[in-house]
């Protein structure tokens, strides 16, 4: 399998990876950290897909997709921190005033896991941010040591994943996910 990571420009490909199987379902669609909580909570079913379409139209690519050939197999959300909840989220500190980008959500489709897709997504997200002038990229993964992370909570990645991509721990946080502390990992560009 040869993985290529590209900016997420095709809505149908984004929906294939992070959208619901049934259009009437109200899955996250990777909006929870992008929109004000009140708006994100109010969106139901197809409204969520419509909001992702609008975001893509307004901002351009709102993340990156991993492809195996022409099939989208993975997703990573990456954007300037100022366009996310991380700009004001009190449980995750700001290390400094640098206009960093945040890398906060991953999804790999079943059948494509444990094949290096997550690693390719981190690298592709860093390249995407660098090409758009980001001075640094931050991630907020769990510090799970050697313990297994429940797949439903693995969307933030692990400290080890970020370390393998050249990120260093920049700070502890007050955020906990699935019983594991989250850490702030950073890669200067």
Foldseek 3Di string as FASTA:
>chain_A
DDKDKDFPQDLVLLCVFQNDPDQQQLGQSVCCFQDDNVVSVPDTRNSSSVVVVVCCVVPNRQWMFIDDVNHTFKTKGKDFCVRTNNVPPQQADDLDDARAMETFFMTGHPPCPPPCRLLNRVVSRVVVCVVVPGQKYKAWAFAPPPDDDPPVQCGRPYPVSLVVNVWDFRAWGNDDTPNTGITITMDGD
